[in-house]
């Protein structure tokens, strides 16, 4: 007999908290994957097979801690079914968390649960930036969604979009989570904190360095999470830095320093993700990226590509990353990267040199 929703929800809570918070003081890394809905009839027939292959790659190659999936219920079900097929094996299935998306709006909670998801990301106030814990009192639907998730054997993971213009101290972040718990009626399984977009300064546009928005967003205004709060609830951050030049790695490191337990590597990390529906590439990208971010080997190796990382997407990025993986530049488990780690770093990222994700 299948467990009742209360037991299923309790089990989902335990699995999610273990997956999203590492006991080894290492940041958990979970990719957000947007699965587009094909418009071509032939591609639609092949969709389930492609999703299954990608799911296998996310578990076996990327070795992410969880998978955040945005897409149709059918795609979600195919992904969850493949993960469930690994039960009893190593590595085992990843917990799957469904994210709201424009691909299939107004999805029923029962359908998400039936597809096999353990959690559901609910974005408070529809993504409106908040400036204080009191702002959360305006959200009149979070409690309903929280209870609905439990009734269907899942856990709600609230996402709060924070104003990047505020200095979010440990006490303020704790007050924020307390206010959220009051709204829900209990502590959520985890909380996802996302910084809103940094508004450019018109007076400094000409002097602003490349990727300045990422530097500000990932560094100067990152919220601080206390150890006590981290022990109570896994607090996750959102990393949106576009891959290449060590940007993802820098953002991940800053979140660890700020006290976060884990990060969701948002789909924005993949250059051209909105234009590139190639799920085989998506699986390969996350396999290489998360493996690189978790690796302790030197990133100071050189790999010259014929194209530049930041300028040519999506096809060029696909070829670029494929060249990297096939060249062995990412190294092997028994050794470092392809170059001498003591060699002077004379790489030229503008012309395609690889410096890590």
Foldseek 3Di string as FASTA:
>chain_A
DDDALLVLLVVLLVLVLPLCFDPVLAAAEEEEDEFAQDPDPVVNVCSLVLLLVLLCLCCPQLVGSAYEYEADLVSLLSSQVSQCVQPPHPPHRHAYEYEYDPRDPPDDLLSNLVSPHQEYEDEQPVQDADAALVVSVPGPCPQVVQVVQSNNSHFYAYEHEHELVDAAEQVRVVSNQVSVCVNNVHRGSAYEYEYDFDDDDPVCVVVQDPPNRLCSRLAVRDHAHDPVVCVVHQYEYERQDADFPCSSLVSQVSCSVRPHRYYYDYLNNHPPSVPDNNSVLVSVVSSLQSVQSPDPAALQDWDFDQAACPPDDDPVNSVLVVCCVVVQQCPDPVDHGPHDSPDDRPYDRRRNIGRGD
